[in-house]
Amino acid sequence: MSPILPKRQMSEEDIKLQYITPSIVSKWSRDKITMETRVTDGKINLKGNFVFREKPKRADYILYLSANNPIAVVEAKDNTHGVSHGLQQAMAYARMLDVPFAYSSNGDGFAEHDFFTGQEREFGLDEFPTEEDLIARYKQEAALTPQQEAVLAQPYFTSQNTYPPRYYQRIAINRTLDAIARGQQRLLLVMATGTGKTYTAFQIVYRMLQSGIKRKILYLADPNILVDQPI
């Protein structure tokens, strides 16, 4: 059955519904895809005595290796734009999220940027990489060690009283664990006041212990409450 509207007259949301979403979900498990995902909360601005927050940045699609381990960003545009028109926006979000693959689409096909190789290409709508193929590419191009894969597979701690990490916390946690898994022995992680240093440190310790890359960890902090919270 043909769509009610010609493709050139469709909105971006129509293009996503009719073309991009079916293409992606035919190759990826639905539980590894999120849509309209908030990347930032929105910049806080001060104008006179008024404080207001700008609209948050949202990615059209994010594809995941596992929870809190995104692998790709996909940005959609309507069909009056070219296939690669949204690629720069997808790349900007990918850099913010520390994601290796960025894609854009206008419903005719996809454009890809691979941050490992720096290469870009375009391909048909039915040629979007499968979940297995893209994960295999990631592991090969990142040259993951068995310890890195073990850490990558270890989920974050979650409960009713904890919140999912913000994008910068997730990047700090994942990069720290990746460095430790590669054998780096000394690291310095610097975070500003109010950015969740205790939460970030706790998740690093938890995932190291659960993945088995460390058996004992000495956790030091001042004052005592910063030790009590992680315990």
C-alpha atoms as a PDB file:
ATOM      1  CA  MET A   1       0.000   0.000   0.000  1.00  0.00           C
ATOM      2  CA  SER A   2       1.351   3.425  -0.954  1.00  0.00           C
ATOM      3  CA  PRO A   3       1.585   6.168   1.710  1.00  0.00           C
ATOM      4  CA  ILE A   4      -1.170   8.793   1.669  1.00  0.00           C
ATOM      5  CA  LEU A   5       1.319  11.616   1.056  1.00  0.00           C
ATOM      6  CA  PRO A   6       4.085  11.787  -1.545  1.00  0.00           C
ATOM      7  CA  LYS A   7       7.467  11.439   0.166  1.00  0.00           C
ATOM      8  CA  ARG A   8       8.495  15.018  -0.688  1.00  0.00           C
ATOM      9  CA  GLN A   9       5.430  16.362   1.146  1.00  0.00           C
ATOM     10  CA  MET A  10       5.970  14.320   4.305  1.00  0.00           C
ATOM     11  CA  SER A  11       7.110  15.887   7.567  1.00  0.00           C
ATOM     12  CA  GLU A  12      10.202  14.620   9.355  1.00  0.00           C
ATOM     13  CA  GLU A  13       7.966  12.597  11.687  1.00  0.00           C
ATOM     14  CA  ASP A  14       6.194  11.021   8.691  1.00  0.00           C
ATOM     15  CA  ILE A  15       9.560  10.079   7.160  1.00  0.00           C
ATOM     16  CA  LYS A  16      10.622   8.469  10.431  1.00  0.00           C
ATOM     17  CA  LEU A  17       7.353   6.524  10.743  1.00  0.00           C
ATOM     18  CA  GLN A  18       7.133   5.321   7.150  1.00  0.00           C
ATOM     19  CA  TYR A  19      10.776   4.744   6.230  1.00  0.00           C
ATOM     20  CA  ILE A  20      13.518   5.164   8.828  1.00  0.00           C
ATOM     21  CA  THR A  21      11.986   3.354  11.814  1.00  0.00           C
ATOM     22  CA  PRO A  22      10.962   0.267   9.781  1.00  0.00           C
ATOM     23  CA  SER A  23      14.456   0.116   8.275  1.00  0.00           C
ATOM     24  CA  ILE A  24      16.173   0.212  11.679  1.00  0.00           C
ATOM     25  CA  VAL A  25      13.818  -2.116  13.568  1.00  0.00           C
ATOM     26  CA  SER A  26      14.145  -4.724  10.797  1.00  0.00           C
ATOM     27  CA  LYS A  27      17.841  -4.992  11.706  1.00  0.00           C
ATOM     28  CA  TRP A  28      17.899  -4.189  15.447  1.00  0.00           C
ATOM     29  CA  SER A  29      16.119  -5.476  18.549  1.00  0.00           C
ATOM     30  CA  ARG A  30      13.536  -2.955  19.704  1.00  0.00           C
ATOM     31  CA  ASP A  31      14.893  -3.142  23.256  1.00  0.00           C
ATOM     32  CA  LYS A  32      18.223  -1.716  22.005  1.00  0.00           C
ATOM     33  CA  ILE A  33      16.679   1.359  20.378  1.00  0.00           C
ATOM     34  CA  THR A  34      15.493   4.585  21.982  1.00  0.00           C
ATOM     35  CA  MET A  35      13.834   7.503  20.177  1.00  0.00           C
ATOM     36  CA  GLU A  36      13.729  11.215  20.935  1.00  0.00           C
ATOM     37  CA  THR A  37      16.288  10.573  23.647  1.00  0.00           C
ATOM     38  CA  ARG A  38      17.232  13.571  25.761  1.00  0.00           C
ATOM     39  CA  VAL A  39      20.952  14.252  25.457  1.00  0.00           C
ATOM     40  CA  THR A  40      21.091  17.401  27.596  1.00  0.00           C
ATOM     41  CA  ASP A  41      18.638  19.075  29.976  1.00  0.00           C
ATOM     42  CA  GLY A  42      18.937  22.357  28.112  1.00  0.00           C
ATOM     43  CA  LYS A  43      21.222  25.308  28.702  1.00  0.00           C
ATOM     44  CA  ILE A  44      20.333  27.547  31.672  1.00  0.00           C
ATOM     45  CA  ASN A  45      20.171  31.246  30.776  1.00  0.00           C
ATOM     46  CA  LEU A  46      19.938  34.317  32.990  1.00  0.00           C
ATOM     47  CA  LYS A  47      18.093  37.337  31.610  1.00  0.00           C
ATOM     48  CA  GLY A  48      17.794  40.146  34.129  1.00  0.00           C
ATOM     49  CA  ASN A  49      16.139  38.623  37.190  1.00  0.00           C
ATOM     50  CA  PHE A  50      14.682  35.724  35.231  1.00  0.00           C
ATOM     51  CA  VAL A  51      16.244  32.308  34.886  1.00  0.00           C
ATOM     52  CA  PHE A  52      15.075  30.042  32.082  1.00  0.00           C
ATOM     53  CA  ARG A  53      16.232  26.830  30.487  1.00  0.00           C
ATOM     54  CA  GLU A  54      16.508  26.316  26.754  1.00  0.00           C
ATOM     55  CA  LYS A  55      14.999  23.281  25.066  1.00  0.00           C
ATOM     56  CA  PRO A  56      16.967  20.081  25.679  1.00  0.00           C
ATOM     57  CA  LYS A  57      18.896  18.496  22.835  1.00  0.00           C
ATOM     58  CA  ARG A  58      17.298  15.243  21.703  1.00  0.00           C
ATOM     59  CA  ALA A  59      18.639  12.528  19.410  1.00  0.00           C
ATOM     60  CA  ASP A  60      16.121  11.012  16.995  1.00  0.00           C
ATOM     61  CA  TYR A  61      17.458   7.470  17.521  1.00  0.00           C
ATOM     62  CA  ILE A  62      20.149   5.962  19.733  1.00  0.00           C
ATOM     63  CA  LEU A  63      21.255   2.346  19.275  1.00  0.00           C
ATOM     64  CA  TYR A  64      22.845   0.453  22.161  1.00  0.00           C
ATOM     65  CA  LEU A  65      25.319  -2.345  22.776  1.00  0.00           C
ATOM     66  CA  SER A  66      23.735  -2.702  26.220  1.00  0.00           C
ATOM     67  CA  ALA A  67      22.145  -0.425  28.805  1.00  0.00           C
ATOM     68  CA  ASN A  68      24.171   2.795  29.178  1.00  0.00           C
ATOM     69  CA  ASN A  69      26.501   1.726  26.361  1.00  0.00           C
ATOM     70  CA  PRO A  70      25.279   3.485  23.183  1.00  0.00           C
ATOM     71  CA  ILE A  71      26.974   2.633  19.900  1.00  0.00           C
ATOM     72  CA  ALA A  72      25.257   4.810  17.262  1.00  0.00           C
ATOM     73  CA  VAL A  73      23.181   7.962  16.748  1.00  0.00           C
ATOM     74  CA  VAL A  74      20.735   8.400  13.865  1.00  0.00           C
ATOM     75  CA  GLU A  75      19.301  11.783  12.867  1.00  0.00           C
ATOM     76  CA  ALA A  76      16.315  12.154  10.539  1.00  0.00           C
ATOM     77  CA  LYS A  77      15.399  14.901   8.076  1.00  0.00           C
ATOM     78  CA  ASP A  78      12.450  15.320   5.741  1.00  0.00           C
ATOM     79  CA  ASN A  79      12.778  14.395   2.073  1.00  0.00           C
ATOM     80  CA  THR A  80      13.340  17.959   0.881  1.00  0.00           C
ATOM     81  CA  HIS A  81      16.878  17.541   2.259  1.00  0.00           C
ATOM     82  CA  GLY A  82      19.656  15.247   1.055  1.00  0.00           C
ATOM     83  CA  VAL A  83      20.541  11.939   2.692  1.00  0.00           C
ATOM     84  CA  SER A  84      23.562  13.417   4.480  1.00  0.00           C
ATOM     85  CA  HIS A  85      21.944  16.704   5.543  1.00  0.00           C
ATOM     86  CA  GLY A  86      21.576  15.612   9.191  1.00  0.00           C
ATOM     87  CA  LEU A  87      24.991  13.949   9.457  1.00  0.00           C
ATOM     88  CA  GLN A  88      26.756  16.901  11.077  1.00  0.00           C
ATOM     89  CA  GLN A  89      24.057  17.073  13.760  1.00  0.00           C
ATOM     90  CA  ALA A  90      24.320  13.313  14.313  1.00  0.00           C
ATOM     91  CA  MET A  91      28.110  13.654  14.596  1.00  0.00           C
ATOM     92  CA  ALA A  92      27.743  16.465  17.149  1.00  0.00           C
ATOM     93  CA  TYR A  93      25.468  14.290  19.300  1.00  0.00           C
ATOM     94  CA  ALA A  94      27.797  11.311  18.811  1.00  0.00           C
ATOM     95  CA  ARG A  95      30.742  13.360  20.119  1.00  0.00           C
ATOM     96  CA  MET A  96      28.706  14.452  23.147  1.00  0.00           C
ATOM     97  CA  LEU A  97      27.702  10.848  23.861  1.00  0.00           C
ATOM     98  CA  ASP A  98      31.132   9.383  23.023  1.00  0.00           C
ATOM     99  CA  VAL A  99      29.551   7.172  20.369  1.00  0.00           C
ATOM    100  CA  PRO A 100      31.593   5.739  17.448  1.00  0.00           C
ATOM    101  CA  PHE A 101      28.968   5.711  14.657  1.00  0.00           C
ATOM    102  CA  ALA A 102      26.746   8.526  13.358  1.00  0.00           C
ATOM    103  CA  TYR A 103      24.002   8.243  10.730  1.00  0.00           C
ATOM    104  CA  SER A 104      21.530  10.494   8.969  1.00  0.00           C
ATOM    105  CA  SER A 105      18.612   9.755   6.666  1.00  0.00           C
ATOM    106  CA  ASN A 106      15.938  11.530   4.629  1.00  0.00           C
ATOM    107  CA  GLY A 107      13.959   8.362   3.907  1.00  0.00           C
ATOM    108  CA  ASP A 108      15.827   7.557   0.672  1.00  0.00           C
ATOM    109  CA  GLY A 109      18.906   6.001   2.280  1.00  0.00           C
ATOM    110  CA  PHE A 110      21.510   6.534   4.997  1.00  0.00           C
ATOM    111  CA  ALA A 111      24.784   8.416   5.355  1.00  0.00           C
ATOM    112  CA  GLU A 112      27.344   7.085   7.845  1.00  0.00           C
ATOM    113  CA  HIS A 113      30.341   8.559   9.652  1.00  0.00           C
ATOM    114  CA  ASP A 114      32.724   6.103  11.330  1.00  0.00           C
ATOM    115  CA  PHE A 115      34.701   7.860  14.077  1.00  0.00           C
ATOM    116  CA  PHE A 116      37.267   5.034  14.220  1.00  0.00           C
ATOM    117  CA  THR A 117      38.323   5.429  10.600  1.00  0.00           C
ATOM    118  CA  GLY A 118      37.039   8.922   9.786  1.00  0.00           C
ATOM    119  CA  GLN A 119      35.373   7.511   6.671  1.00  0.00           C
ATOM    120  CA  GLU A 120      31.919   8.452   5.383  1.00  0.00           C
ATOM    121  CA  ARG A 121      29.637   6.591   3.017  1.00  0.00           C
ATOM    122  CA  GLU A 122      26.048   6.465   1.764  1.00  0.00           C
ATOM    123  CA  PHE A 123      23.926   3.354   1.243  1.00  0.00           C
ATOM    124  CA  GLY A 124      20.362   2.283   0.576  1.00  0.00           C
ATOM    125  CA  LEU A 125      17.469   2.277   3.001  1.00  0.00           C
ATOM    126  CA  ASP A 126      17.472  -1.520   3.189  1.00  0.00           C
ATOM    127  CA  GLU A 127      21.232  -1.689   3.796  1.00  0.00           C
ATOM    128  CA  PHE A 128      21.359  -0.348   7.361  1.00  0.00           C
ATOM    129  CA  PRO A 129      23.864  -2.493   9.321  1.00  0.00           C
ATOM    130  CA  THR A 130      22.401  -5.234  11.468  1.00  0.00           C
ATOM    131  CA  GLU A 131      22.878  -5.255  15.221  1.00  0.00           C
ATOM    132  CA  GLU A 132      25.351  -8.141  14.951  1.00  0.00           C
ATOM    133  CA  ASP A 133      27.356  -6.533  12.135  1.00  0.00           C
ATOM    134  CA  LEU A 134      27.701  -3.128  13.791  1.00  0.00           C
ATOM    135  CA  ILE A 135      28.678  -4.613  17.157  1.00  0.00           C
ATOM    136  CA  ALA A 136      31.250  -6.835  15.406  1.00  0.00           C
ATOM    137  CA  ARG A 137      32.649  -3.760  13.597  1.00  0.00           C
ATOM    138  CA  TYR A 138      32.856  -1.870  16.873  1.00  0.00           C
ATOM    139  CA  LYS A 139      34.732  -4.665  18.635  1.00  0.00           C
ATOM    140  CA  GLN A 140      37.119  -5.095  15.723  1.00  0.00           C
ATOM    141  CA  GLU A 141      37.841  -1.397  15.158  1.00  0.00           C
ATOM    142  CA  ALA A 142      38.155  -0.684  18.903  1.00  0.00           C
ATOM    143  CA  ALA A 143      40.409  -3.759  19.299  1.00  0.00           C
ATOM    144  CA  LEU A 144      38.740  -4.696  22.584  1.00  0.00           C
ATOM    145  CA  THR A 145      40.593  -6.938  25.031  1.00  0.00           C
ATOM    146  CA  PRO A 146      38.725  -9.701  26.933  1.00  0.00           C
ATOM    147  CA  GLN A 147      38.813  -7.508  30.050  1.00  0.00           C
ATOM    148  CA  GLN A 148      37.339  -4.565  28.159  1.00  0.00           C
ATOM    149  CA  GLU A 149      34.549  -6.787  26.853  1.00  0.00           C
ATOM    150  CA  ALA A 150      33.869  -8.060  30.379  1.00  0.00           C
ATOM    151  CA  VAL A 151      33.520  -4.509  31.705  1.00  0.00           C
ATOM    152  CA  LEU A 152      31.386  -3.501  28.725  1.00  0.00           C
ATOM    153  CA  ALA A 153      28.979  -6.362  29.423  1.00  0.00           C
ATOM    154  CA  GLN A 154      28.657  -5.490  33.128  1.00  0.00           C
ATOM    155  CA  PRO A 155      25.545  -3.353  33.715  1.00  0.00           C
ATOM    156  CA  TYR A 156      25.388  -0.317  35.966  1.00  0.00           C
ATOM    157  CA  PHE A 157      23.908  -0.590  39.435  1.00  0.00           C
ATOM    158  CA  THR A 158      20.198   0.217  39.389  1.00  0.00           C
ATOM    159  CA  SER A 159      17.454   0.336  42.004  1.00  0.00           C
ATOM    160  CA  GLN A 160      14.317   2.305  42.797  1.00  0.00           C
ATOM    161  CA  ASN A 161      16.461   4.836  44.652  1.00  0.00           C
ATOM    162  CA  THR A 162      19.099   5.407  41.975  1.00  0.00           C
ATOM    163  CA  TYR A 163      18.900   7.386  38.756  1.00  0.00           C
ATOM    164  CA  PRO A 164      20.436   6.577  35.368  1.00  0.00           C
ATOM    165  CA  PRO A 165      23.719   8.401  34.685  1.00  0.00           C
ATOM    166  CA  ARG A 166      23.728  11.679  32.817  1.00  0.00           C
ATOM    167  CA  TYR A 167      25.587  11.522  29.534  1.00  0.00           C
ATOM    168  CA  TYR A 168      28.789  13.062  30.936  1.00  0.00           C
ATOM    169  CA  GLN A 169      28.730  10.731  33.966  1.00  0.00           C
ATOM    170  CA  ARG A 170      28.317   7.732  31.677  1.00  0.00           C
ATOM    171  CA  ILE A 171      31.276   8.887  29.564  1.00  0.00           C
ATOM    172  CA  ALA A 172      33.429   9.381  32.676  1.00  0.00           C
ATOM    173  CA  ILE A 173      32.514   5.935  34.023  1.00  0.00           C
ATOM    174  CA  ASN A 174      32.971   4.100  30.721  1.00  0.00           C
ATOM    175  CA  ARG A 175      36.259   5.789  29.815  1.00  0.00           C
ATOM    176  CA  THR A 176      37.690   5.169  33.286  1.00  0.00           C
ATOM    177  CA  LEU A 177      36.743   1.497  33.251  1.00  0.00           C
ATOM    178  CA  ASP A 178      38.067   1.102  29.714  1.00  0.00           C
ATOM    179  CA  ALA A 179      41.441   2.567  30.735  1.00  0.00           C
ATOM    180  CA  ILE A 180      41.673   0.300  33.790  1.00  0.00           C
ATOM    181  CA  ALA A 181      40.732  -2.741  31.696  1.00  0.00           C
ATOM    182  CA  ARG A 182      43.555  -1.846  29.287  1.00  0.00           C
ATOM    183  CA  GLY A 183      45.988  -1.944  32.213  1.00  0.00           C
ATOM    184  CA  GLN A 184      46.338   1.761  33.018  1.00  0.00           C
ATOM    185  CA  GLN A 185      47.198   2.020  36.724  1.00  0.00           C
ATOM    186  CA  ARG A 186      46.984   5.754  37.430  1.00  0.00           C
ATOM    187  CA  LEU A 187      44.042   7.970  36.464  1.00  0.00           C
ATOM    188  CA  LEU A 188      42.789  11.397  37.492  1.00  0.00           C
ATOM    189  CA  LEU A 189      39.104  12.143  36.981  1.00  0.00           C
ATOM    190  CA  VAL A 190      38.169  15.816  37.505  1.00  0.00           C
ATOM    191  CA  MET A 191      34.531  16.849  37.898  1.00  0.00           C
ATOM    192  CA  ALA A 192      32.976  20.135  38.994  1.00  0.00           C
ATOM    193  CA  THR A 193      30.899  20.626  42.142  1.00  0.00           C
ATOM    194  CA  GLY A 194      27.379  19.251  41.724  1.00  0.00           C
ATOM    195  CA  THR A 195      28.123  16.985  38.755  1.00  0.00           C
ATOM    196  CA  GLY A 196      27.778  13.733  40.716  1.00  0.00           C
ATOM    197  CA  LYS A 197      31.300  12.726  41.681  1.00  0.00           C
ATOM    198  CA  THR A 198      30.137  10.317  44.408  1.00  0.00           C
ATOM    199  CA  TYR A 199      27.625   8.638  42.100  1.00  0.00           C
ATOM    200  CA  THR A 200      30.247   8.352  39.362  1.00  0.00           C
ATOM    201  CA  ALA A 201      32.861   6.903  41.731  1.00  0.00           C
ATOM    202  CA  PHE A 202      30.353   4.403  43.125  1.00  0.00           C
ATOM    203  CA  GLN A 203      29.397   3.130  39.649  1.00  0.00           C
ATOM    204  CA  ILE A 204      33.075   2.739  38.730  1.00  0.00           C
ATOM    205  CA  VAL A 205      33.756   0.704  41.881  1.00  0.00           C
ATOM    206  CA  TYR A 206      30.583  -1.372  41.485  1.00  0.00           C
ATOM    207  CA  ARG A 207      31.256  -2.317  37.875  1.00  0.00           C
ATOM    208  CA  MET A 208      34.919  -3.138  38.564  1.00  0.00           C
ATOM    209  CA  LEU A 209      33.960  -5.531  41.354  1.00  0.00           C
ATOM    210  CA  GLN A 210      31.036  -7.095  39.490  1.00  0.00           C
ATOM    211  CA  SER A 211      33.000  -7.626  36.273  1.00  0.00           C
ATOM    212  CA  GLY A 212      35.872  -9.219  38.190  1.00  0.00           C
ATOM    213  CA  ILE A 213      38.677  -6.969  36.927  1.00  0.00           C
ATOM    214  CA  LYS A 214      39.360  -5.994  40.574  1.00  0.00           C
ATOM    215  CA  ARG A 215      38.761  -8.063  43.713  1.00  0.00           C
ATOM    216  CA  LYS A 216      39.477  -5.458  46.400  1.00  0.00           C
ATOM    217  CA  ILE A 217      39.202  -1.672  46.294  1.00  0.00           C
ATOM    218  CA  LEU A 218      40.275   0.888  48.882  1.00  0.00           C
ATOM    219  CA  TYR A 219      37.768   3.747  48.797  1.00  0.00           C
ATOM    220  CA  LEU A 220      38.886   6.963  50.535  1.00  0.00           C
ATOM    221  CA  ALA A 221      36.863  10.144  50.933  1.00  0.00           C
ATOM    222  CA  ASP A 222      36.402  13.148  53.184  1.00  0.00           C
ATOM    223  CA  PRO A 223      33.941  13.593  54.931  1.00  0.00           C
ATOM    224  CA  ASN A 224      32.445  10.290  56.135  1.00  0.00           C
ATOM    225  CA  ILE A 225      29.116  10.845  54.359  1.00  0.00           C
ATOM    226  CA  LEU A 226      30.892  10.461  51.014  1.00  0.00           C
ATOM    227  CA  VAL A 227      31.931   6.984  52.115  1.00  0.00           C
ATOM    228  CA  ASP A 228      28.600   6.113  53.725  1.00  0.00           C
ATOM    229  CA  GLN A 229      26.602   6.908  50.553  1.00  0.00           C
ATOM    230  CA  PRO A 230      28.437   4.477  48.267  1.00  0.00           C
ATOM    231  CA  ILE A 231      28.435   1.762  50.964  1.00  0.00           C
END
